[in-house]
Amino acid sequence: MKQLIYTLCLGLMMSGCTTANEINLDGKIYVKGSSPHTYIVIEDSNTHKNYQIVNANEFDLKHKQKQHLNITAKIVKESKSPLVPTKIEVLEVE
């Protein structure tokens, strides 16, 4: 009985870890910073929070500036400051 409860708890913990970092964002793409330190961000339409996209070249997002996109992303590094955007890795662009 104890082994069954342990297995169920472990299974629930493992399933929760896989989707906790995924977020859906709906917003516009911008290039921020000054050359040579530029980076691509998406500004969420609902919260107006910026998220830095670390794999923008894979989806050619630099050429989609000011376009309204819906993306699914994984949080790579959560920001501790409101001045620094949270880093995300894009999984899917709609």
N, C-alpha and C. Protein backbone atom coordinates (compact mmCIF):
# COMPACT_ATOMS: atom_id res chain seq x y z
N MET A 1 0.82 -1.19 0.00
CA MET A 1 0.00 0.00 0.00
C MET A 1 0.87 1.26 0.00
N LYS A 2 1.92 1.26 0.82
CA LYS A 2 2.81 2.42 0.87
C LYS A 2 3.50 2.62 -0.46
N GLN A 3 3.86 1.53 -1.11
CA GLN A 3 4.54 1.63 -2.40
C GLN A 3 3.60 2.21 -3.45
N LEU A 4 2.34 1.86 -3.42
CA LEU A 4 1.36 2.39 -4.36
C LEU A 4 1.19 3.90 -4.17
N ILE A 5 1.08 4.33 -2.93
CA ILE A 5 0.94 5.76 -2.65
C ILE A 5 2.20 6.51 -3.07
N TYR A 6 3.36 5.95 -2.79
CA TYR A 6 4.63 6.57 -3.19
C TYR A 6 4.71 6.70 -4.71
N THR A 7 4.32 5.66 -5.44
CA THR A 7 4.36 5.68 -6.90
C THR A 7 3.40 6.73 -7.46
N LEU A 8 2.20 6.81 -6.88
CA LEU A 8 1.25 7.81 -7.34
C LEU A 8 1.74 9.23 -7.10
N CYS A 9 2.31 9.48 -5.93
CA CYS A 9 2.84 10.81 -5.62
C CYS A 9 3.99 11.17 -6.55
N LEU A 10 4.86 10.24 -6.80
CA LEU A 10 5.99 10.48 -7.70
C LEU A 10 5.50 10.77 -9.11
N GLY A 11 4.49 10.02 -9.56
CA GLY A 11 3.92 10.25 -10.89
C GLY A 11 3.28 11.62 -11.02
N LEU A 12 2.59 12.07 -10.00
CA LEU A 12 1.97 13.39 -10.02
C LEU A 12 3.00 14.50 -10.02
N MET A 13 4.07 14.31 -9.27
CA MET A 13 5.13 15.32 -9.25
C MET A 13 5.83 15.40 -10.60
N MET A 14 6.07 14.28 -11.23
CA MET A 14 6.75 14.27 -12.53
C MET A 14 5.89 14.90 -13.61
N SER A 15 4.60 14.63 -13.59
CA SER A 15 3.72 15.19 -14.62
C SER A 15 3.57 16.70 -14.45
N GLY A 16 3.63 17.20 -13.24
CA GLY A 16 3.53 18.63 -13.00
C GLY A 16 4.75 19.39 -13.44
N CYS A 17 5.89 18.77 -13.43
CA CYS A 17 7.14 19.45 -13.79
C CYS A 17 7.26 19.69 -15.28
N THR A 18 6.62 18.90 -16.10
CA THR A 18 6.83 19.02 -17.53
C THR A 18 6.10 20.21 -18.13
N THR A 19 4.96 20.63 -17.61
CA THR A 19 4.20 21.71 -18.21
C THR A 19 4.26 23.01 -17.41
N ALA A 20 4.95 23.03 -16.30
CA ALA A 20 4.98 24.23 -15.46
C ALA A 20 5.69 25.39 -16.13
N ASN A 21 6.64 25.12 -17.00
CA ASN A 21 7.43 26.19 -17.61
C ASN A 21 6.84 26.69 -18.92
N GLU A 22 5.82 26.06 -19.44
CA GLU A 22 5.26 26.49 -20.73
C GLU A 22 4.22 27.58 -20.53
N ILE A 23 4.31 28.60 -21.41
CA ILE A 23 3.35 29.70 -21.38
C ILE A 23 2.90 30.01 -22.79
N ASN A 24 1.71 30.54 -22.92
CA ASN A 24 1.19 31.03 -24.19
C ASN A 24 1.17 32.54 -24.14
N LEU A 25 1.77 33.18 -25.14
CA LEU A 25 1.84 34.63 -25.19
C LEU A 25 1.20 35.13 -26.47
N ASP A 26 0.49 36.23 -26.35
CA ASP A 26 -0.16 36.88 -27.47
C ASP A 26 0.30 38.33 -27.47
N GLY A 27 1.09 38.73 -28.48
CA GLY A 27 1.61 40.08 -28.47
C GLY A 27 2.42 40.42 -29.70
N LYS A 28 3.12 41.54 -29.63
CA LYS A 28 3.92 42.04 -30.76
C LYS A 28 5.40 41.81 -30.50
N ILE A 29 6.13 41.62 -31.60
CA ILE A 29 7.57 41.39 -31.58
C ILE A 29 8.30 42.72 -31.77
N TYR A 30 9.31 42.96 -30.93
CA TYR A 30 10.13 44.17 -31.03
C TYR A 30 11.60 43.82 -30.90
N VAL A 31 12.46 44.67 -31.49
CA VAL A 31 13.91 44.58 -31.28
C VAL A 31 14.26 45.67 -30.29
N LYS A 32 14.93 45.30 -29.20
CA LYS A 32 15.31 46.27 -28.16
C LYS A 32 16.82 46.30 -28.01
N GLY A 33 17.29 47.34 -27.36
CA GLY A 33 18.73 47.50 -27.13
C GLY A 33 19.38 48.32 -28.22
N SER A 34 20.67 48.55 -28.07
CA SER A 34 21.41 49.29 -29.08
C SER A 34 22.52 48.40 -29.63
N SER A 35 22.87 48.63 -30.87
CA SER A 35 23.85 47.79 -31.56
C SER A 35 25.19 47.86 -30.83
N PRO A 36 25.88 46.82 -30.63
CA PRO A 36 25.69 45.42 -31.04
C PRO A 36 24.96 44.56 -30.00
N HIS A 37 24.29 45.19 -29.03
CA HIS A 37 23.65 44.46 -27.93
C HIS A 37 22.12 44.45 -28.08
N THR A 38 21.64 44.09 -29.25
CA THR A 38 20.20 44.04 -29.47
C THR A 38 19.65 42.66 -29.14
N TYR A 39 18.38 42.61 -28.83
CA TYR A 39 17.71 41.34 -28.56
C TYR A 39 16.24 41.47 -28.96
N ILE A 40 15.62 40.32 -29.23
CA ILE A 40 14.24 40.26 -29.68
C ILE A 40 13.34 40.00 -28.46
N VAL A 41 12.25 40.76 -28.35
CA VAL A 41 11.29 40.56 -27.26
C VAL A 41 9.88 40.45 -27.84
N ILE A 42 9.01 39.83 -27.08
CA ILE A 42 7.58 39.87 -27.36
C ILE A 42 6.93 40.58 -26.18
N GLU A 43 6.09 41.56 -26.49
CA GLU A 43 5.36 42.27 -25.44
C GLU A 43 3.97 41.68 -25.35
N ASP A 44 3.66 41.08 -24.23
CA ASP A 44 2.36 40.45 -24.02
C ASP A 44 1.26 41.50 -24.07
N SER A 45 0.21 41.24 -24.84
CA SER A 45 -0.90 42.19 -25.00
C SER A 45 -1.68 42.39 -23.71
N ASN A 46 -1.78 41.35 -22.90
CA ASN A 46 -2.59 41.43 -21.68
C ASN A 46 -1.86 42.13 -20.53
N THR A 47 -0.62 41.73 -20.28
CA THR A 47 0.12 42.25 -19.12
C THR A 47 1.12 43.35 -19.47
N HIS A 48 1.40 43.55 -20.75
CA HIS A 48 2.40 44.50 -21.25
C HIS A 48 3.78 44.23 -20.68
N LYS A 49 4.05 42.96 -20.38
CA LYS A 49 5.36 42.53 -19.89
C LYS A 49 6.18 42.04 -21.07
N ASN A 50 7.47 42.37 -21.08
CA ASN A 50 8.38 41.95 -22.14
C ASN A 50 9.04 40.63 -21.79
N TYR A 51 9.20 39.77 -22.79
CA TYR A 51 9.88 38.49 -22.65
C TYR A 51 10.96 38.42 -23.72
N GLN A 52 12.21 38.21 -23.32
CA GLN A 52 13.32 38.10 -24.26
C GLN A 52 13.33 36.72 -24.88
N ILE A 53 13.38 36.66 -26.21
CA ILE A 53 13.36 35.39 -26.93
C ILE A 53 14.80 34.98 -27.24
N VAL A 54 15.23 33.85 -26.71
CA VAL A 54 16.62 33.43 -26.87
C VAL A 54 16.87 32.68 -28.19
N ASN A 55 15.83 32.12 -28.79
CA ASN A 55 16.01 31.38 -30.05
C ASN A 55 15.23 32.04 -31.19
N ALA A 56 15.32 33.35 -31.28
CA ALA A 56 14.56 34.10 -32.29
C ALA A 56 14.99 33.77 -33.72
N ASN A 57 16.25 33.39 -33.91
CA ASN A 57 16.73 33.08 -35.26
C ASN A 57 16.10 31.82 -35.84
N GLU A 58 15.72 30.88 -34.99
CA GLU A 58 15.11 29.64 -35.47
C GLU A 58 13.77 29.88 -36.15
N PHE A 59 13.05 30.90 -35.72
CA PHE A 59 11.73 31.20 -36.27
C PHE A 59 11.73 32.48 -37.10
N ASP A 60 12.90 33.06 -37.36
CA ASP A 60 13.05 34.27 -38.17
C ASP A 60 12.17 35.40 -37.63
N LEU A 61 12.20 35.60 -36.33
CA LEU A 61 11.33 36.59 -35.70
C LEU A 61 11.82 38.03 -35.88
N LYS A 62 13.07 38.21 -36.23
CA LYS A 62 13.58 39.57 -36.43
C LYS A 62 12.86 40.27 -37.58
N HIS A 63 12.43 39.50 -38.56
CA HIS A 63 11.73 40.07 -39.72
C HIS A 63 10.23 40.17 -39.50
N LYS A 64 9.77 39.84 -38.30
CA LYS A 64 8.34 39.93 -37.98
C LYS A 64 8.07 41.01 -36.95
N GLN A 65 8.90 42.08 -36.99
CA GLN A 65 8.74 43.17 -36.04
C GLN A 65 7.38 43.82 -36.18
N LYS A 66 6.79 44.19 -35.05
CA LYS A 66 5.50 44.87 -34.94
C LYS A 66 4.34 44.04 -35.48
N GLN A 67 4.56 42.75 -35.71
CA GLN A 67 3.47 41.86 -36.10
C GLN A 67 2.88 41.24 -34.84
N HIS A 68 1.59 41.04 -34.86
CA HIS A 68 0.89 40.44 -33.73
C HIS A 68 0.96 38.92 -33.87
N LEU A 69 1.61 38.24 -32.92
CA LEU A 69 1.80 36.79 -32.98
C LEU A 69 1.29 36.12 -31.72
N ASN A 70 0.96 34.87 -31.85
CA ASN A 70 0.58 34.02 -30.72
C ASN A 70 1.63 32.91 -30.65
N ILE A 71 2.38 32.84 -29.54
CA ILE A 71 3.45 31.85 -29.44
C ILE A 71 3.28 31.00 -28.19
N THR A 72 3.83 29.80 -28.26
CA THR A 72 3.97 28.92 -27.11
C THR A 72 5.46 28.88 -26.79
N ALA A 73 5.80 29.10 -25.53
CA ALA A 73 7.21 29.20 -25.15
C ALA A 73 7.47 28.52 -23.82
N LYS A 74 8.74 28.26 -23.59
CA LYS A 74 9.19 27.67 -22.33
C LYS A 74 10.07 28.70 -21.63
N ILE A 75 9.84 28.90 -20.34
CA ILE A 75 10.65 29.86 -19.57
C ILE A 75 12.02 29.26 -19.32
N VAL A 76 13.05 30.00 -19.74
CA VAL A 76 14.43 29.56 -19.56
C VAL A 76 15.00 30.13 -18.26
N LYS A 77 14.78 31.45 -18.06
CA LYS A 77 15.28 32.10 -16.85
C LYS A 77 14.29 33.18 -16.43
N GLU A 78 13.74 33.02 -15.24
CA GLU A 78 12.79 33.99 -14.69
C GLU A 78 13.54 35.23 -14.24
N SER A 79 13.02 36.41 -14.58
CA SER A 79 13.64 37.66 -14.19
C SER A 79 13.30 38.01 -12.75
N LYS A 80 14.29 38.53 -12.03
CA LYS A 80 14.07 38.97 -10.65
C LYS A 80 13.89 40.48 -10.57
N SER A 81 14.09 41.16 -11.69
CA SER A 81 13.99 42.61 -11.74
C SER A 81 12.97 43.01 -12.81
N PRO A 82 12.20 44.07 -12.57
CA PRO A 82 11.27 44.52 -13.61
C PRO A 82 11.97 45.18 -14.79
N LEU A 83 13.25 45.50 -14.64
CA LEU A 83 14.00 46.13 -15.72
C LEU A 83 14.59 45.13 -16.70
N VAL A 84 14.72 43.88 -16.29
CA VAL A 84 15.30 42.83 -17.13
C VAL A 84 14.19 41.87 -17.53
N PRO A 85 14.02 41.63 -18.84
CA PRO A 85 12.93 40.72 -19.25
C PRO A 85 13.23 39.26 -18.95
N THR A 86 12.19 38.49 -18.71
CA THR A 86 12.30 37.05 -18.53
C THR A 86 12.73 36.43 -19.85
N LYS A 87 13.65 35.47 -19.80
CA LYS A 87 14.13 34.82 -21.03
C LYS A 87 13.27 33.59 -21.31
N ILE A 88 12.83 33.49 -22.59
CA ILE A 88 12.01 32.36 -23.01
C ILE A 88 12.58 31.73 -24.26
N GLU A 89 12.22 30.47 -24.48
CA GLU A 89 12.57 29.74 -25.69
C GLU A 89 11.27 29.40 -26.40
N VAL A 90 11.13 29.87 -27.64
CA VAL A 90 9.90 29.67 -28.39
C VAL A 90 9.82 28.22 -28.85
N LEU A 91 8.66 27.60 -28.63
CA LEU A 91 8.40 26.24 -29.07
C LEU A 91 7.55 26.19 -30.33
N GLU A 92 6.61 27.14 -30.44
CA GLU A 92 5.69 27.14 -31.58
C GLU A 92 5.21 28.57 -31.84
N VAL A 93 5.11 28.93 -33.12
CA VAL A 93 4.58 30.24 -33.53
C VAL A 93 3.31 29.99 -34.33
N GLU A 94 2.24 30.68 -33.94
CA GLU A 94 0.96 30.55 -34.65
C GLU A 94 0.65 31.80 -35.42
